């Protein structure tokens, strides 16, 4: 049903006019009333006609206007940031505040085998779901985070990576290997190997966990990194160097890095099909990785031409917007279900590692 036209009645006793809107699916012959063209009105008792006046709708409109300030107050209460807003009036969001108020969520970006185009893993990414600002990327809330907040975040992300694999297995994808980002300082401050040993899935099908750390961070303490890497191997886990190629001495010290996987910095991936310098660097990195028995993962792939170039030089795994954008955990599990055809919901898909403080592990 749609509104064909509207007429104005005679003045109401209380003053003013009441607009009468008639909704019908019939077309009517125009006629002229008081110098204006109107549609010939159907009979009011026509069952296809609904009559509404502005007087009828005015209470609802006034109610909506009255509730608008209340809704703003509710949003402000939920965010509780009225006293910490920037010059633009928007709330300031920090990692510690997000941890305290359970705003954090784990999202996943899938990884694909460049030869078979099969999904083989996913990287865990952190997001904030703010009650007023919506979903926020790490660049908004991670800068300036304290070391204590980063350690708390790392503990929860590792716990999520271990538990979420069970949901992957529940939808028929036990081969999926999840990866989480870890600051290098966590290797010293936290008993990561013990956390994984005590919290890992007990299934024999568990594919393990990848811990990603940036190259410049791990260079500060290679001895500790090597010690942790050896402990992780016993748990079917490994270290991946993130943004490989961004460090000034990366190629010269590649043999010293205790990694099982290299994630090639997107700076070399962008336009690698047309940029000879990038293509040359990629070929060198992939060749060296093969000699040291390391898997290569290219991140930031955005075009089919980049993907084909990487496939041609022997890069093993790709990740980027060409294949899939980061998505919520529920969307990721749903995507896996479409791949596997197993259409049963995982039992613990709603578990949130940030909903409460996990039990703290002793460091000694």
Foldseek 3Di string as FASTA:
>chain_A
DAFPWKDWDPADPVGDIKIKTKDAPDFADWDDDPRDIDGDDDDPPPVRIDIDIVVNVVVVVVVVVVCVVVVVVVLCVLQVQQVAADPVRHGQAALVSCLVNVQKAWWWFWKAFLVPRHTQAIEIAIWGQRSVPGIDHCVRHYPPHDPVSLLQVVLLQVLCQQVLCVQLVVLPHQRYEYEYEHELVCLVVDPVLVSCVVRHDPDPSHQEYEYEYAPVRCVVPLPSQLVVQVSRVVVNYWYEHACQPPDPCCVVCVVSHRGQEYEHHQVLLPPLLPDVVSVVVLLVVVVVCVVVNHAYEYEADDDVSSSVSNVVSPHTMYTHVNSPDIGGSVVVSVVSNVVRVRPDGDPPSPDGSSPDRDDDDDPD
